[in-house]
C-alpha atoms as a PDB file:
ATOM      1  CA  MET A   1       0.000   0.000   0.000  1.00  0.00           C
ATOM      2  CA  THR A   2       1.315   3.432  -0.879  1.00  0.00           C
ATOM      3  CA  LEU A   3       1.784   6.130   1.711  1.00  0.00           C
ATOM      4  CA  GLU A   4      -0.986   8.666   2.218  1.00  0.00           C
ATOM      5  CA  ILE A   5       0.493  12.147   2.639  1.00  0.00           C
ATOM      6  CA  LEU A   6      -1.704  15.120   3.468  1.00  0.00           C
ATOM      7  CA  THR A   7      -0.523  18.574   2.400  1.00  0.00           C
ATOM      8  CA  HIS A   8      -1.867  22.128   2.542  1.00  0.00           C
ATOM      9  CA  PRO A   9      -1.716  25.004   0.019  1.00  0.00           C
ATOM     10  CA  LEU A  10      -0.165  27.376   2.572  1.00  0.00           C
ATOM     11  CA  LEU A  11       2.999  25.275   2.409  1.00  0.00           C
ATOM     12  CA  ASP A  12       2.982  24.553  -1.325  1.00  0.00           C
ATOM     13  CA  ASP A  13       6.393  26.194  -1.768  1.00  0.00           C
ATOM     14  CA  VAL A  14       8.164  23.693   0.464  1.00  0.00           C
ATOM     15  CA  ARG A  15       8.140  19.900   0.647  1.00  0.00           C
ATOM     16  CA  HIS A  16       6.001  18.800   3.570  1.00  0.00           C
ATOM     17  CA  GLY A  17       3.626  16.080   4.627  1.00  0.00           C
ATOM     18  CA  PHE A  18       1.268  15.020   7.374  1.00  0.00           C
ATOM     19  CA  PHE A  19       1.514  11.248   7.009  1.00  0.00           C
ATOM     20  CA  THR A  20      -1.489   9.087   7.883  1.00  0.00           C
ATOM     21  CA  ARG A  21      -1.132   5.508   9.146  1.00  0.00           C
ATOM     22  CA  LYS A  22      -1.625   4.091   5.634  1.00  0.00           C
ATOM     23  CA  GLY A  23       1.200   2.436   3.772  1.00  0.00           C
ATOM     24  CA  GLY A  24       3.388   1.246   6.622  1.00  0.00           C
ATOM     25  CA  ALA A  25       4.840  -2.134   7.592  1.00  0.00           C
ATOM     26  CA  SER A  26       3.515  -2.384  11.157  1.00  0.00           C
ATOM     27  CA  SER A  27       0.772  -4.788  12.190  1.00  0.00           C
ATOM     28  CA  GLY A  28      -1.693  -5.363  15.010  1.00  0.00           C
ATOM     29  CA  LEU A  29      -2.371  -2.296  17.169  1.00  0.00           C
ATOM     30  CA  TYR A  30       0.229  -0.425  15.148  1.00  0.00           C
ATOM     31  CA  ALA A  31      -1.084  -1.459  11.727  1.00  0.00           C
ATOM     32  CA  GLY A  32       0.288   0.866   9.102  1.00  0.00           C
ATOM     33  CA  LEU A  33       2.873   3.614   9.299  1.00  0.00           C
ATOM     34  CA  ASN A  34       3.840   3.700  12.973  1.00  0.00           C
ATOM     35  CA  CYS A  35       6.926   5.902  13.265  1.00  0.00           C
ATOM     36  CA  GLY A  36       7.133   5.993  17.056  1.00  0.00           C
ATOM     37  CA  ARG A  37      10.405   4.697  18.448  1.00  0.00           C
ATOM     38  CA  GLY A  38       8.843   5.106  21.885  1.00  0.00           C
ATOM     39  CA  SER A  39       6.080   2.616  21.116  1.00  0.00           C
ATOM     40  CA  ASN A  40       6.357  -1.104  21.825  1.00  0.00           C
ATOM     41  CA  ASP A  41       6.294  -1.920  18.126  1.00  0.00           C
ATOM     42  CA  GLN A  42       9.185  -3.885  16.631  1.00  0.00           C
ATOM     43  CA  ARG A  43      12.154  -1.533  16.274  1.00  0.00           C
ATOM     44  CA  ASP A  44      13.164  -2.788  12.825  1.00  0.00           C
ATOM     45  CA  VAL A  45       9.620  -2.295  11.538  1.00  0.00           C
ATOM     46  CA  VAL A  46       9.500   1.264  12.893  1.00  0.00           C
ATOM     47  CA  GLU A  47      12.797   1.979  11.125  1.00  0.00           C
ATOM     48  CA  THR A  48      11.361   0.548   7.900  1.00  0.00           C
ATOM     49  CA  ASN A  49       8.430   2.925   8.254  1.00  0.00           C
ATOM     50  CA  ARG A  50      10.705   5.879   8.907  1.00  0.00           C
ATOM     51  CA  ALA A  51      12.832   4.973   5.895  1.00  0.00           C
ATOM     52  CA  ARG A  52       9.716   5.108   3.723  1.00  0.00           C
ATOM     53  CA  VAL A  53       8.927   8.567   5.097  1.00  0.00           C
ATOM     54  CA  ALA A  54      12.481   9.762   4.448  1.00  0.00           C
ATOM     55  CA  GLU A  55      12.277   8.536   0.862  1.00  0.00           C
ATOM     56  CA  ALA A  56       8.965  10.327   0.379  1.00  0.00           C
ATOM     57  CA  MET A  57      10.534  13.503   1.766  1.00  0.00           C
ATOM     58  CA  GLY A  58      13.513  13.199  -0.591  1.00  0.00           C
ATOM     59  CA  VAL A  59      16.174  12.798   2.101  1.00  0.00           C
ATOM     60  CA  ALA A  60      18.423  10.020   3.352  1.00  0.00           C
ATOM     61  CA  HIS A  61      17.091   7.970   6.282  1.00  0.00           C
ATOM     62  CA  ASP A  62      19.597   9.566   8.677  1.00  0.00           C
ATOM     63  CA  ARG A  63      18.522  13.041   7.535  1.00  0.00           C
ATOM     64  CA  LEU A  64      14.971  12.589   8.803  1.00  0.00           C
ATOM     65  CA  LEU A  65      15.409  14.208  12.202  1.00  0.00           C
ATOM     66  CA  GLY A  66      13.278  14.270  15.329  1.00  0.00           C
ATOM     67  CA  VAL A  67      13.523  14.935  19.042  1.00  0.00           C
ATOM     68  CA  HIS A  68      12.582  13.246  22.305  1.00  0.00           C
ATOM     69  CA  GLN A  69       9.266  14.995  22.936  1.00  0.00           C
ATOM     70  CA  VAL A  70       8.418  15.941  26.512  1.00  0.00           C
ATOM     71  CA  HIS A  71       5.498  18.428  26.236  1.00  0.00           C
ATOM     72  CA  SER A  72       7.803  21.395  26.729  1.00  0.00           C
ATOM     73  CA  ALA A  73       8.311  24.750  25.020  1.00  0.00           C
ATOM     74  CA  ASP A  74      11.921  23.873  24.136  1.00  0.00           C
ATOM     75  CA  VAL A  75      13.124  24.204  20.543  1.00  0.00           C
ATOM     76  CA  LYS A  76      16.112  22.448  18.946  1.00  0.00           C
ATOM     77  CA  ILE A  77      17.780  24.835  16.477  1.00  0.00           C
ATOM     78  CA  ILE A  78      19.882  23.140  13.803  1.00  0.00           C
ATOM     79  CA  THR A  79      22.321  25.261  11.800  1.00  0.00           C
ATOM     80  CA  ALA A  80      24.578  22.461  10.572  1.00  0.00           C
ATOM     81  CA  ALA A  81      23.886  18.953   9.337  1.00  0.00           C
ATOM     82  CA  PRO A  82      24.455  16.511  12.207  1.00  0.00           C
ATOM     83  CA  ASP A  83      27.085  13.808  11.927  1.00  0.00           C
ATOM     84  CA  ASP A  84      24.523  11.245  13.018  1.00  0.00           C
ATOM     85  CA  ALA A  85      20.953  11.076  14.318  1.00  0.00           C
ATOM     86  CA  SER A  86      21.855  12.844  17.563  1.00  0.00           C
ATOM     87  CA  PRO A  87      18.869  15.271  17.506  1.00  0.00           C
ATOM     88  CA  HIS A  88      16.686  12.253  18.298  1.00  0.00           C
ATOM     89  CA  ASP A  89      18.250  12.285  21.757  1.00  0.00           C
ATOM     90  CA  ALA A  90      17.565  15.958  22.488  1.00  0.00           C
ATOM     91  CA  LYS A  91      14.624  16.617  24.790  1.00  0.00           C
ATOM     92  CA  ALA A  92      12.509  19.250  23.047  1.00  0.00           C
ATOM     93  CA  ASP A  93       9.168  19.640  21.313  1.00  0.00           C
ATOM     94  CA  ALA A  94      10.100  21.623  18.240  1.00  0.00           C
ATOM     95  CA  MET A  95      12.848  21.890  15.668  1.00  0.00           C
ATOM     96  CA  VAL A  96      13.987  24.768  13.461  1.00  0.00           C
ATOM     97  CA  THR A  97      16.561  24.672  10.673  1.00  0.00           C
ATOM     98  CA  ASN A  98      17.966  26.536   7.693  1.00  0.00           C
ATOM     99  CA  VAL A  99      20.078  23.589   6.506  1.00  0.00           C
ATOM    100  CA  PRO A 100      19.261  22.222   3.032  1.00  0.00           C
ATOM    101  CA  GLY A 101      18.864  18.482   2.690  1.00  0.00           C
ATOM    102  CA  LEU A 102      17.315  17.913   6.113  1.00  0.00           C
ATOM    103  CA  ALA A 103      13.780  16.892   6.990  1.00  0.00           C
ATOM    104  CA  ILE A 104      12.605  17.759  10.501  1.00  0.00           C
ATOM    105  CA  SER A 105       9.680  15.927  12.030  1.00  0.00           C
ATOM    106  CA  VAL A 106       7.379  15.514  15.006  1.00  0.00           C
ATOM    107  CA  LEU A 107       5.309  12.573  16.217  1.00  0.00           C
ATOM    108  CA  THR A 108       1.704  12.829  17.389  1.00  0.00           C
ATOM    109  CA  ALA A 109      -1.349  10.771  18.288  1.00  0.00           C
ATOM    110  CA  ASP A 110      -3.928  13.517  19.088  1.00  0.00           C
ATOM    111  CA  CYS A 111      -1.588  16.441  19.857  1.00  0.00           C
ATOM    112  CA  GLN A 112      -1.093  19.085  17.186  1.00  0.00           C
ATOM    113  CA  PRO A 113       1.670  18.560  14.628  1.00  0.00           C
ATOM    114  CA  VAL A 114       2.556  22.014  13.321  1.00  0.00           C
ATOM    115  CA  LEU A 115       4.724  22.583  10.242  1.00  0.00           C
ATOM    116  CA  LEU A 116       6.054  26.069   9.541  1.00  0.00           C
ATOM    117  CA  ALA A 117       8.032  27.663   6.727  1.00  0.00           C
ATOM    118  CA  ASP A 118       9.397  30.864   5.257  1.00  0.00           C
ATOM    119  CA  PRO A 119      10.535  29.551   1.868  1.00  0.00           C
ATOM    120  CA  ALA A 120      12.048  32.870   0.783  1.00  0.00           C
ATOM    121  CA  ALA A 121      14.295  32.914   3.843  1.00  0.00           C
ATOM    122  CA  GLY A 122      15.019  29.187   3.632  1.00  0.00           C
ATOM    123  CA  VAL A 123      13.854  28.472   7.172  1.00  0.00           C
ATOM    124  CA  ILE A 124      11.494  25.724   8.337  1.00  0.00           C
ATOM    125  CA  GLY A 125      10.086  24.549  11.648  1.00  0.00           C
ATOM    126  CA  ALA A 126       8.145  21.635  13.116  1.00  0.00           C
ATOM    127  CA  ALA A 127       6.409  21.642  16.493  1.00  0.00           C
ATOM    128  CA  HIS A 128       4.607  19.136  18.696  1.00  0.00           C
ATOM    129  CA  ALA A 129       1.893  21.097  20.492  1.00  0.00           C
ATOM    130  CA  GLY A 130      -0.395  19.291  22.866  1.00  0.00           C
ATOM    131  CA  TRP A 131      -2.432  21.358  25.294  1.00  0.00           C
ATOM    132  CA  ARG A 132       0.474  21.684  27.719  1.00  0.00           C
ATOM    133  CA  GLY A 133       3.001  22.720  25.110  1.00  0.00           C
ATOM    134  CA  ALA A 134       0.599  25.102  23.382  1.00  0.00           C
ATOM    135  CA  LEU A 135      -0.288  26.778  26.676  1.00  0.00           C
ATOM    136  CA  GLY A 136       3.378  26.857  27.653  1.00  0.00           C
ATOM    137  CA  GLY A 137       4.442  28.681  24.494  1.00  0.00           C
ATOM    138  CA  VAL A 138       6.010  26.066  22.213  1.00  0.00           C
ATOM    139  CA  LEU A 139       4.473  27.642  19.118  1.00  0.00           C
ATOM    140  CA  GLU A 140       5.761  31.122  19.937  1.00  0.00           C
ATOM    141  CA  ALA A 141       9.167  29.662  20.778  1.00  0.00           C
ATOM    142  CA  THR A 142       9.271  27.937  17.399  1.00  0.00           C
ATOM    143  CA  VAL A 143       8.367  31.169  15.612  1.00  0.00           C
ATOM    144  CA  ASP A 144      11.042  33.026  17.603  1.00  0.00           C
ATOM    145  CA  GLY A 145      13.595  30.374  16.657  1.00  0.00           C
ATOM    146  CA  MET A 146      12.755  30.739  12.982  1.00  0.00           C
ATOM    147  CA  ARG A 147      12.996  34.522  13.172  1.00  0.00           C
ATOM    148  CA  GLY A 148      16.383  34.138  14.779  1.00  0.00           C
ATOM    149  CA  LEU A 149      17.492  32.401  11.574  1.00  0.00           C
ATOM    150  CA  GLY A 150      16.119  35.198   9.403  1.00  0.00           C
ATOM    151  CA  ALA A 151      12.516  34.166   8.784  1.00  0.00           C
ATOM    152  CA  GLN A 152      10.025  36.998   8.334  1.00  0.00           C
ATOM    153  CA  ASP A 153       6.981  35.778   6.381  1.00  0.00           C
ATOM    154  CA  ILE A 154       6.125  32.570   8.255  1.00  0.00           C
ATOM    155  CA  LYS A 155       3.246  30.323   7.279  1.00  0.00           C
ATOM    156  CA  ALA A 156       2.077  27.438   9.455  1.00  0.00           C
ATOM    157  CA  VAL A 157      -0.318  24.511   9.146  1.00  0.00           C
ATOM    158  CA  ILE A 158      -1.727  22.452  12.007  1.00  0.00           C
ATOM    159  CA  GLY A 159      -2.060  18.846  10.909  1.00  0.00           C
ATOM    160  CA  PRO A 160      -4.440  16.094  12.028  1.00  0.00           C
ATOM    161  CA  THR A 161      -5.253  16.516  15.719  1.00  0.00           C
ATOM    162  CA  ILE A 162      -8.079  15.767  18.112  1.00  0.00           C
ATOM    163  CA  SER A 163     -11.043  18.050  17.444  1.00  0.00           C
ATOM    164  CA  GLN A 164     -13.296  19.765  19.939  1.00  0.00           C
ATOM    165  CA  ARG A 165     -16.175  17.344  19.435  1.00  0.00           C
ATOM    166  CA  ALA A 166     -13.938  14.502  20.706  1.00  0.00           C
ATOM    167  CA  TYR A 167     -11.955  16.315  23.395  1.00  0.00           C
ATOM    168  CA  GLU A 168     -13.844  16.169  26.685  1.00  0.00           C
ATOM    169  CA  VAL A 169     -11.866  17.630  29.603  1.00  0.00           C
ATOM    170  CA  SER A 170     -12.342  18.370  33.292  1.00  0.00           C
ATOM    171  CA  TRP A 171     -13.401  21.654  34.851  1.00  0.00           C
ATOM    172  CA  ASP A 172      -9.967  21.844  36.487  1.00  0.00           C
ATOM    173  CA  PHE A 173      -8.425  21.574  33.033  1.00  0.00           C
ATOM    174  CA  MET A 174     -10.527  24.498  31.846  1.00  0.00           C
ATOM    175  CA  GLU A 175      -9.589  26.536  34.903  1.00  0.00           C
ATOM    176  CA  THR A 176      -5.900  26.038  34.088  1.00  0.00           C
ATOM    177  CA  PHE A 177      -6.516  27.883  30.826  1.00  0.00           C
ATOM    178  CA  THR A 178      -8.818  30.590  32.130  1.00  0.00           C
ATOM    179  CA  ALA A 179      -6.423  31.318  35.007  1.00  0.00           C
ATOM    180  CA  ASP A 180      -3.780  32.045  32.378  1.00  0.00           C
ATOM    181  CA  ASP A 181      -6.178  34.313  30.436  1.00  0.00           C
ATOM    182  CA  PRO A 182      -9.961  34.642  31.029  1.00  0.00           C
ATOM    183  CA  ASP A 183     -10.412  35.012  27.257  1.00  0.00           C
ATOM    184  CA  HIS A 184      -9.373  31.380  26.846  1.00  0.00           C
ATOM    185  CA  GLU A 185     -12.889  30.422  27.946  1.00  0.00           C
ATOM    186  CA  ARG A 186     -13.974  30.835  24.316  1.00  0.00           C
ATOM    187  CA  PHE A 187     -12.116  27.631  23.416  1.00  0.00           C
ATOM    188  CA  PHE A 188     -14.439  25.549  25.608  1.00  0.00           C
ATOM    189  CA  SER A 189     -18.041  24.525  25.048  1.00  0.00           C
ATOM    190  CA  GLY A 190     -20.496  22.337  26.913  1.00  0.00           C
ATOM    191  CA  GLY A 191     -20.361  18.625  26.224  1.00  0.00           C
ATOM    192  CA  PRO A 192     -22.858  15.760  26.435  1.00  0.00           C
ATOM    193  CA  ASN A 193     -21.634  14.737  29.917  1.00  0.00           C
ATOM    194  CA  ASP A 194     -21.861  18.231  31.414  1.00  0.00           C
ATOM    195  CA  ARG A 195     -18.118  18.603  31.034  1.00  0.00           C
ATOM    196  CA  PRO A 196     -16.180  21.078  28.885  1.00  0.00           C
ATOM    197  CA  MET A 197     -15.057  20.236  25.348  1.00  0.00           C
ATOM    198  CA  PHE A 198     -11.723  21.833  24.380  1.00  0.00           C
ATOM    199  CA  ASP A 199     -10.903  23.241  20.942  1.00  0.00           C
ATOM    200  CA  LEU A 200      -7.195  22.400  20.688  1.00  0.00           C
ATOM    201  CA  PRO A 201      -6.677  23.406  17.023  1.00  0.00           C
ATOM    202  CA  GLY A 202      -8.632  26.612  17.574  1.00  0.00           C
ATOM    203  CA  PHE A 203      -6.338  27.438  20.481  1.00  0.00           C
ATOM    204  CA  GLY A 204      -3.277  26.637  18.384  1.00  0.00           C
ATOM    205  CA  LEU A 205      -4.457  28.847  15.530  1.00  0.00           C
ATOM    206  CA  MET A 206      -5.008  31.734  17.938  1.00  0.00           C
ATOM    207  CA  ARG A 207      -1.500  31.408  19.377  1.00  0.00           C
ATOM    208  CA  LEU A 208       0.088  31.277  15.920  1.00  0.00           C
ATOM    209  CA  ARG A 209      -1.884  34.210  14.546  1.00  0.00           C
ATOM    210  CA  GLU A 210      -1.168  36.345  17.598  1.00  0.00           C
ATOM    211  CA  ALA A 211       2.514  35.601  16.954  1.00  0.00           C
ATOM    212  CA  GLY A 212       2.113  37.146  13.499  1.00  0.00           C
ATOM    213  CA  VAL A 213       1.925  33.906  11.525  1.00  0.00           C
ATOM    214  CA  ASP A 214      -0.430  33.102   8.650  1.00  0.00           C
ATOM    215  CA  ALA A 215      -1.912  29.831   9.912  1.00  0.00           C
ATOM    216  CA  ALA A 216      -4.503  27.187   9.033  1.00  0.00           C
ATOM    217  CA  TRP A 217      -5.726  23.820  10.345  1.00  0.00           C
ATOM    218  CA  ILE A 218      -5.909  20.951   7.888  1.00  0.00           C
ATOM    219  CA  GLY A 219      -9.267  19.934   9.379  1.00  0.00           C
ATOM    220  CA  HIS A 220      -8.790  16.227  10.155  1.00  0.00           C
ATOM    221  CA  CYS A 221      -9.687  14.763  13.581  1.00  0.00           C
ATOM    222  CA  THR A 222      -7.419  11.941  14.745  1.00  0.00           C
ATOM    223  CA  TYR A 223      -9.958  10.488  17.166  1.00  0.00           C
ATOM    224  CA  ALA A 224     -12.782  10.260  14.631  1.00  0.00           C
ATOM    225  CA  ASP A 225     -10.950   8.394  11.862  1.00  0.00           C
ATOM    226  CA  PRO A 226      -9.275   5.179  13.088  1.00  0.00           C
ATOM    227  CA  ASP A 227      -8.550   3.944   9.554  1.00  0.00           C
ATOM    228  CA  ARG A 228      -6.262   6.906   8.889  1.00  0.00           C
ATOM    229  CA  PHE A 229      -4.981   8.140  12.247  1.00  0.00           C
ATOM    230  CA  PHE A 230      -3.578   6.860  15.523  1.00  0.00           C
ATOM    231  CA  SER A 231      -5.200   8.357  18.628  1.00  0.00           C
ATOM    232  CA  TYR A 232      -4.026   8.143  22.221  1.00  0.00           C
ATOM    233  CA  ARG A 233      -7.484   9.008  23.542  1.00  0.00           C
ATOM    234  CA  ARG A 234      -9.216   6.434  21.370  1.00  0.00           C
ATOM    235  CA  THR A 235      -6.705   3.816  22.518  1.00  0.00           C
ATOM    236  CA  THR A 236      -7.442   4.755  26.136  1.00  0.00           C
ATOM    237  CA  HIS A 237     -11.194   4.486  25.625  1.00  0.00           C
ATOM    238  CA  ARG A 238     -10.744   1.064  24.022  1.00  0.00           C
ATOM    239  CA  ALA A 239      -8.390  -0.080  26.820  1.00  0.00           C
ATOM    240  CA  GLU A 240      -5.757  -1.083  24.289  1.00  0.00           C
ATOM    241  CA  ALA A 241      -2.194  -1.742  25.430  1.00  0.00           C
ATOM    242  CA  ASP A 242      -0.422   0.793  23.228  1.00  0.00           C
ATOM    243  CA  TYR A 243      -0.808   3.019  20.177  1.00  0.00           C
ATOM    244  CA  GLY A 244       1.101   4.081  17.101  1.00  0.00           C
ATOM    245  CA  ARG A 245       2.504   7.518  16.364  1.00  0.00           C
ATOM    246  CA  LEU A 246       1.858   9.595  13.269  1.00  0.00           C
ATOM    247  CA  ILE A 247       4.727  11.510  11.704  1.00  0.00           C
ATOM    248  CA  SER A 248       4.651  14.973  10.146  1.00  0.00           C
ATOM    249  CA  ALA A 249       7.705  16.319   8.334  1.00  0.00           C
ATOM    250  CA  ILE A 250       8.994  19.293   6.393  1.00  0.00           C
ATOM    251  CA  ALA A 251      12.198  19.621   4.371  1.00  0.00           C
ATOM    252  CA  LEU A 252      14.448  22.117   2.612  1.00  0.00           C
ATOM    253  CA  PRO A 253      15.742  20.947  -0.766  1.00  0.00           C
ATOM    254  CA  GLY A 254      19.348  19.844  -0.764  1.00  0.00           C
END
């Protein structure tokens, strides 16, 4: 099966892709394109999947870079091609580079994968923005990192993520956001169980646009489409043992 790669017109001037789970070598719970080295999937199969992504992105396997994601606002800035895959060991939740021939990537399974680019400046970024990272400023930190490398006209696309209709949260969760800014209440609505429903992509778009970025959401909900997307929340609701990770990547031509 061929890979399914979602793209968006805002990023047409740069090679990018939000990869679905279709077209991979994994099986069972991970069926399809599981690219998560932190999952319990077979390591060699995960590397096969990642090699397919690298090929699709037009880079060597060891030039598909990622980080050890920890729900932080930390950004790994790459200004020289690494000698090996060392950025995989860095604890961060975003990457920024101006180095041709590299693809930078993030892994998600409900959190927001955000790809950013200023093609004229030759600067790209990729961010993993769950609720904690988005509230903590990972998107603004990514934008700042890109501007530090000379980016000015940044465009960003939020990839497949959990949508508001599937994201029931607690009242304490909502209060964490409204304590930060009372205006954040607009990203919550009432749900069927008398609990708030959180609009994660709406919140991400607001943060990006307030940072001066032209931004869009691709419009796909990870929870609602099990044939195409892995979802941590869906796995939890089904009491499954583990879950796969989707990969999103962006590259500068070599």
